[in-house]
N, C-alpha and C. Protein backbone atom coordinates (compact mmCIF):
# COMPACT_ATOMS: atom_id res chain seq x y z
N MET A 1 23.24 17.69 21.86
CA MET A 1 23.55 16.17 21.83
C MET A 1 22.24 15.69 22.08
N LYS A 2 22.36 14.48 21.46
CA LYS A 2 20.76 13.63 21.61
C LYS A 2 21.48 12.30 22.00
N GLU A 3 20.47 11.70 22.85
CA GLU A 3 20.75 10.37 23.48
C GLU A 3 19.54 9.52 23.12
N LEU A 4 20.14 8.14 22.86
CA LEU A 4 18.93 7.39 22.52
C LEU A 4 19.45 5.90 22.90
N VAL A 5 18.58 5.03 23.18
CA VAL A 5 19.01 3.63 23.69
C VAL A 5 18.63 2.64 22.38
N CYS A 6 19.49 2.45 21.99
CA CYS A 6 19.27 1.23 20.71
C CYS A 6 18.58 0.14 21.17
N ILE A 7 17.34 -0.26 20.52
CA ILE A 7 16.64 -1.33 20.71
C ILE A 7 16.63 -2.53 19.76
N VAL A 8 17.61 -2.33 18.89
CA VAL A 8 17.94 -3.38 17.93
C VAL A 8 18.52 -4.81 18.53
N CYS A 9 19.20 -4.74 19.44
CA CYS A 9 19.86 -5.96 19.97
C CYS A 9 19.91 -6.06 21.44
N PRO A 10 20.13 -6.86 22.01
CA PRO A 10 20.26 -7.18 23.53
C PRO A 10 21.20 -6.25 24.24
N ASN A 11 22.17 -5.49 23.59
CA ASN A 11 23.06 -4.67 24.14
C ASN A 11 22.51 -3.33 24.77
N GLY A 12 21.32 -3.01 24.16
CA GLY A 12 20.83 -1.61 24.77
C GLY A 12 21.79 -0.78 24.94
N CYS A 13 22.86 -0.39 23.74
CA CYS A 13 23.41 0.72 24.10
C CYS A 13 23.09 2.11 23.99
N THR A 14 23.88 3.03 24.82
CA THR A 14 23.30 4.33 24.91
C THR A 14 24.13 5.19 23.54
N LEU A 15 23.51 5.43 22.63
CA LEU A 15 23.95 6.33 21.57
C LEU A 15 24.00 7.72 21.82
N HIS A 16 25.03 8.34 21.61
CA HIS A 16 25.20 9.89 21.24
C HIS A 16 25.04 10.54 20.03
N ILE A 17 24.39 11.35 19.80
CA ILE A 17 24.24 11.84 18.39
C ILE A 17 24.41 13.13 18.42
N GLU A 18 25.25 13.56 17.68
CA GLU A 18 25.44 15.25 17.29
C GLU A 18 25.02 15.56 15.93
N GLY A 19 24.67 16.98 15.72
CA GLY A 19 24.47 17.32 14.48
C GLY A 19 22.97 16.98 14.12
N GLU A 20 22.61 17.13 12.87
CA GLU A 20 21.28 17.25 12.18
C GLU A 20 21.06 16.55 10.84
N GLY A 21 20.08 16.02 10.50
CA GLY A 21 19.92 15.52 9.10
C GLY A 21 20.95 14.59 8.81
N LYS A 22 21.65 14.83 7.57
CA LYS A 22 22.63 13.78 7.27
C LYS A 22 24.01 13.92 7.85
N ASN A 23 24.05 15.42 8.48
CA ASN A 23 25.52 15.56 8.90
C ASN A 23 25.49 15.37 10.52
N ILE A 24 25.37 13.93 10.99
CA ILE A 24 24.98 13.59 12.17
C ILE A 24 26.50 12.72 12.44
N LYS A 25 27.03 12.97 13.94
CA LYS A 25 27.99 11.87 14.29
C LYS A 25 27.22 11.12 15.34
N ILE A 26 27.84 9.78 15.29
CA ILE A 26 26.97 8.98 16.38
C ILE A 26 28.06 8.19 17.01
N SER A 27 27.92 7.91 18.23
CA SER A 27 29.02 7.39 19.24
C SER A 27 28.25 6.55 20.18
N GLY A 28 28.91 5.58 20.76
CA GLY A 28 28.27 4.89 21.84
C GLY A 28 27.81 3.28 21.26
N GLN A 29 27.81 2.92 19.91
CA GLN A 29 27.35 1.85 19.78
C GLN A 29 28.34 0.70 19.79
N LYS A 30 27.79 -0.58 20.08
CA LYS A 30 28.93 -1.75 20.10
C LYS A 30 28.84 -2.40 18.91
N CYS A 31 27.84 -2.16 18.01
CA CYS A 31 27.66 -2.88 16.86
C CYS A 31 27.25 -1.98 15.73
N ARG A 32 27.31 -2.68 14.56
CA ARG A 32 26.83 -2.01 13.22
C ARG A 32 25.42 -1.66 13.30
N LYS A 33 24.63 -2.42 14.03
CA LYS A 33 23.25 -2.26 13.77
C LYS A 33 22.91 -0.99 14.77
N GLY A 34 23.61 -0.55 15.70
CA GLY A 34 23.65 0.58 16.49
C GLY A 34 23.58 1.87 15.52
N LEU A 35 24.65 1.86 14.98
CA LEU A 35 24.72 2.98 13.88
C LEU A 35 23.66 3.21 12.83
N THR A 36 23.23 1.86 12.41
CA THR A 36 22.04 2.07 11.35
C THR A 36 20.83 2.20 12.07
N PHE A 37 20.41 1.91 13.27
CA PHE A 37 19.39 2.11 14.14
C PHE A 37 19.53 3.96 14.16
N ALA A 38 20.71 4.23 14.75
CA ALA A 38 20.60 5.84 14.94
C ALA A 38 20.51 6.70 13.67
N GLN A 39 20.97 6.18 12.59
CA GLN A 39 20.75 6.87 11.56
C GLN A 39 19.41 7.02 11.05
N ASN A 40 18.81 5.92 11.17
CA ASN A 40 17.37 5.77 10.62
C ASN A 40 16.55 6.33 11.64
N GLU A 41 16.84 6.45 12.89
CA GLU A 41 15.94 7.09 13.98
C GLU A 41 16.06 8.72 13.67
N MET A 42 17.02 9.11 13.23
CA MET A 42 17.35 10.72 13.14
C MET A 42 16.87 11.15 11.85
N THR A 43 16.73 10.20 10.81
CA THR A 43 16.41 10.69 9.52
C THR A 43 14.87 10.22 9.18
N ASN A 44 14.45 9.10 9.39
CA ASN A 44 13.26 8.36 9.10
C ASN A 44 12.87 7.42 10.01
N PRO A 45 12.43 7.84 11.44
CA PRO A 45 11.99 7.17 12.40
C PRO A 45 10.60 6.18 11.99
N MET A 46 10.58 4.91 11.92
CA MET A 46 9.58 4.04 11.72
C MET A 46 9.32 3.15 13.05
N ARG A 47 8.06 2.63 13.05
CA ARG A 47 7.48 1.98 14.21
C ARG A 47 6.37 0.99 13.53
N SER A 48 6.42 -0.28 14.36
CA SER A 48 5.35 -1.26 14.34
C SER A 48 4.13 -0.81 15.44
N ILE A 49 3.00 -1.41 14.87
CA ILE A 49 1.73 -1.06 15.61
C ILE A 49 1.22 -2.72 15.66
N CYS A 50 0.68 -3.01 16.99
CA CYS A 50 -0.01 -3.94 17.32
C CYS A 50 -1.06 -3.26 18.21
N SER A 51 -2.55 -3.78 17.89
CA SER A 51 -3.69 -3.20 18.45
C SER A 51 -4.79 -4.39 18.38
N THR A 52 -6.20 -3.94 18.60
CA THR A 52 -6.95 -4.62 18.55
C THR A 52 -7.98 -4.03 17.60
N VAL A 53 -8.92 -4.49 16.79
CA VAL A 53 -9.91 -3.97 16.28
C VAL A 53 -11.68 -4.94 16.68
N ARG A 54 -12.55 -4.09 16.62
CA ARG A 54 -13.89 -4.57 17.00
C ARG A 54 -14.29 -5.57 16.11
N THR A 55 -15.26 -6.50 16.43
CA THR A 55 -15.75 -7.46 15.69
C THR A 55 -17.48 -7.52 15.81
N ALA A 56 -17.80 -7.99 14.87
CA ALA A 56 -19.48 -7.98 15.27
C ALA A 56 -19.97 -9.37 15.81
N PHE A 57 -19.04 -10.03 16.42
CA PHE A 57 -19.39 -11.53 17.00
C PHE A 57 -19.29 -11.32 18.56
N ARG A 58 -20.08 -11.79 19.12
CA ARG A 58 -20.40 -11.63 20.42
C ARG A 58 -19.59 -12.44 21.17
N ASP A 59 -18.90 -13.73 20.48
CA ASP A 59 -18.18 -14.59 21.11
C ASP A 59 -16.58 -14.23 21.33
N VAL A 60 -16.46 -13.17 20.39
CA VAL A 60 -15.16 -12.62 20.06
C VAL A 60 -15.39 -11.16 19.83
N PRO A 61 -15.36 -10.55 20.94
CA PRO A 61 -15.75 -8.88 20.52
C PRO A 61 -14.36 -7.95 20.01
N VAL A 62 -13.03 -8.48 20.24
CA VAL A 62 -11.83 -7.84 19.60
C VAL A 62 -11.27 -8.81 18.93
N LEU A 63 -10.35 -8.57 18.16
CA LEU A 63 -9.34 -9.29 17.46
C LEU A 63 -7.94 -8.63 17.27
N PRO A 64 -7.11 -9.28 17.64
CA PRO A 64 -5.52 -8.65 17.58
C PRO A 64 -5.07 -8.53 16.25
N VAL A 65 -4.70 -7.44 15.85
CA VAL A 65 -4.20 -7.10 14.52
C VAL A 65 -2.45 -6.48 14.67
N LYS A 66 -2.05 -6.22 13.56
CA LYS A 66 -0.79 -5.50 13.40
C LYS A 66 -0.48 -5.01 12.18
N VAL A 67 0.32 -3.94 11.97
CA VAL A 67 0.93 -3.64 10.69
C VAL A 67 1.48 -4.97 10.00
N SER A 68 1.42 -4.78 8.63
CA SER A 68 2.35 -5.69 8.07
C SER A 68 3.78 -5.38 7.78
N CYS A 69 4.05 -4.15 7.99
CA CYS A 69 5.39 -3.68 7.96
C CYS A 69 5.64 -2.41 8.94
N GLU A 70 6.51 -1.95 9.00
CA GLU A 70 6.88 -0.63 10.02
C GLU A 70 6.26 0.55 8.97
N ILE A 71 5.72 1.48 9.80
CA ILE A 71 5.30 2.82 9.28
C ILE A 71 5.90 3.78 9.68
N PRO A 72 5.93 5.03 9.25
CA PRO A 72 6.48 6.52 9.58
C PRO A 72 5.90 6.67 11.13
N LYS A 73 6.96 7.00 11.76
CA LYS A 73 6.58 7.23 13.18
C LYS A 73 5.34 8.38 13.17
N ASP A 74 5.42 9.42 12.49
CA ASP A 74 4.57 10.50 12.34
C ASP A 74 3.17 10.08 11.73
N LYS A 75 2.88 8.57 11.52
CA LYS A 75 1.63 8.48 10.95
C LYS A 75 0.93 7.54 12.17
N ILE A 76 1.48 7.32 13.29
CA ILE A 76 0.96 6.47 14.21
C ILE A 76 -0.51 6.72 14.67
N PHE A 77 -0.67 7.83 14.88
CA PHE A 77 -2.09 8.37 15.35
C PHE A 77 -2.89 8.13 14.29
N GLU A 78 -2.49 8.53 13.09
CA GLU A 78 -3.77 8.49 11.85
C GLU A 78 -4.05 7.07 11.57
N VAL A 79 -2.97 6.03 11.85
CA VAL A 79 -3.43 4.61 11.64
C VAL A 79 -4.20 4.23 12.69
N MET A 80 -3.76 4.55 13.84
CA MET A 80 -4.80 4.20 14.83
C MET A 80 -6.18 4.54 15.06
N GLN A 81 -6.32 6.02 14.35
CA GLN A 81 -7.60 6.27 14.08
C GLN A 81 -8.37 5.44 13.17
N ALA A 82 -7.65 4.96 12.26
CA ALA A 82 -8.36 4.10 11.07
C ALA A 82 -8.62 2.72 11.55
N ILE A 83 -7.77 2.18 12.50
CA ILE A 83 -7.93 0.59 12.90
C ILE A 83 -9.10 1.11 14.19
N ASN A 84 -9.28 2.31 14.72
CA ASN A 84 -10.53 2.12 15.88
C ASN A 84 -11.94 2.21 14.86
N ARG A 85 -12.05 2.61 13.83
CA ARG A 85 -13.18 2.80 13.02
C ARG A 85 -13.70 1.69 12.43
N VAL A 86 -12.92 0.55 12.48
CA VAL A 86 -12.91 -0.88 11.89
C VAL A 86 -13.88 -1.64 12.76
N THR A 87 -14.93 -2.19 12.16
CA THR A 87 -15.56 -3.31 12.90
C THR A 87 -15.60 -4.60 11.65
N VAL A 88 -14.95 -5.80 12.58
CA VAL A 88 -14.87 -6.70 11.60
C VAL A 88 -16.20 -7.75 11.51
N GLN A 89 -16.69 -7.85 10.04
CA GLN A 89 -17.82 -8.50 10.00
C GLN A 89 -17.71 -10.10 9.43
N GLU A 90 -16.85 -10.47 9.25
CA GLU A 90 -16.37 -11.90 8.79
C GLU A 90 -15.47 -12.48 9.58
N ARG A 91 -15.60 -13.79 9.56
CA ARG A 91 -14.69 -14.79 10.22
C ARG A 91 -13.50 -15.02 9.69
N ILE A 92 -12.56 -14.15 10.00
CA ILE A 92 -11.24 -14.07 9.12
C ILE A 92 -10.21 -14.68 10.05
N GLY A 93 -8.99 -14.90 9.62
CA GLY A 93 -7.92 -15.61 10.52
C GLY A 93 -6.55 -14.87 10.37
N THR A 94 -5.53 -15.49 10.89
CA THR A 94 -4.15 -15.17 10.88
C THR A 94 -3.86 -14.65 9.52
N GLY A 95 -3.43 -13.24 9.29
CA GLY A 95 -2.82 -12.96 7.98
C GLY A 95 -3.84 -12.40 7.03
N ASP A 96 -4.88 -12.34 7.12
CA ASP A 96 -6.11 -11.81 6.60
C ASP A 96 -5.85 -10.45 6.60
N ILE A 97 -6.36 -9.67 5.63
CA ILE A 97 -5.97 -8.22 5.34
C ILE A 97 -7.20 -7.50 6.18
N ILE A 98 -7.34 -6.55 6.91
CA ILE A 98 -8.56 -6.06 7.13
C ILE A 98 -8.45 -4.64 6.69
N ILE A 99 -7.42 -3.85 6.66
CA ILE A 99 -7.29 -2.57 5.88
C ILE A 99 -6.06 -2.62 4.98
N LYS A 100 -6.18 -2.47 3.77
CA LYS A 100 -5.31 -2.32 2.87
C LYS A 100 -4.65 -1.20 2.84
N ASN A 101 -3.04 -0.93 2.66
CA ASN A 101 -2.68 0.29 2.61
C ASN A 101 -3.12 1.38 3.58
N VAL A 102 -3.35 1.20 4.70
CA VAL A 102 -3.69 2.04 5.63
C VAL A 102 -2.96 3.51 5.56
N CYS A 103 -3.63 4.26 5.37
CA CYS A 103 -3.17 5.57 5.56
C CYS A 103 -2.41 6.13 4.61
N GLY A 104 -2.25 5.33 3.47
CA GLY A 104 -1.28 5.40 2.28
C GLY A 104 0.16 5.17 2.65
N THR A 105 0.46 4.07 3.64
CA THR A 105 1.73 3.93 4.43
C THR A 105 2.38 2.74 3.73
N ALA A 106 1.84 2.05 2.51
CA ALA A 106 2.11 0.74 2.10
C ALA A 106 1.82 -0.26 2.92
N ALA A 107 1.26 -0.28 4.25
CA ALA A 107 1.40 -1.45 5.16
C ALA A 107 0.03 -1.73 5.21
N ASP A 108 -0.34 -2.99 5.59
CA ASP A 108 -1.59 -3.31 5.48
C ASP A 108 -2.15 -3.72 7.07
N ILE A 109 -3.12 -3.44 7.48
CA ILE A 109 -3.51 -3.92 9.08
C ILE A 109 -4.03 -5.29 8.61
N ILE A 110 -3.35 -6.44 9.41
CA ILE A 110 -3.67 -7.67 9.21
C ILE A 110 -4.03 -8.28 10.57
N ALA A 111 -4.89 -9.33 10.58
CA ALA A 111 -5.22 -10.24 11.71
C ALA A 111 -4.02 -11.03 12.21
N THR A 112 -3.84 -11.14 13.49
CA THR A 112 -2.81 -12.10 14.04
C THR A 112 -3.39 -13.22 15.03
N SER A 113 -4.62 -13.67 14.69
CA SER A 113 -5.27 -14.56 15.45
C SER A 113 -6.11 -15.09 14.75
N ASN A 114 -6.40 -16.66 14.81
CA ASN A 114 -7.36 -17.36 14.17
C ASN A 114 -8.57 -17.57 15.06
N ILE A 115 -8.64 -16.52 16.11
CA ILE A 115 -9.69 -16.87 17.10
C ILE A 115 -11.09 -16.75 16.54
N LEU A 116 -11.16 -16.00 15.63
CA LEU A 116 -12.75 -16.14 14.77
C LEU A 116 -13.19 -17.13 14.18
N LYS A 117 -12.02 -18.12 13.78
CA LYS A 117 -12.51 -19.16 13.04
C LYS A 117 -12.63 -20.49 13.76
N GLU A 118 -11.96 -20.38 15.08
CA GLU A 118 -12.09 -21.58 16.08
C GLU A 118 -13.61 -21.93 16.32
C-alpha cells in the first residue's frame, strides 16, 4: 500500500493506494479531486516548476520564470538543466517565452516579471 497526501484542495486528505497501474484502489479522499489526483499521480505524475534564469544585465542579474504548463515529473531535472544554461540577453517581460517547447515537453519557459522592463 502507498500513502499520498492530496495537494489539490485545502483538506489535505491522506490517500491510501493499493495495486499498480490502472488496477488501483484508492481510499481516504473526501472529494472527487482526491481521486483524480491519486489516479494521475500513480499513472502520469506531473509537476510545475518555478525558478530563475541569469540575465546579461547588472541591474537585474536574475529573472523569475516558470513553465507554461505542468511537465512530466521525470523531466524536472532535464528542464532545470535547460533553464540553468540560459542567459537572457533582451529586456523582456511577463509572459515572454524564454525557451519554447523545453525538452520536448510542449511547455515553454516564460518570464514571470516585468523587472527587466522597469
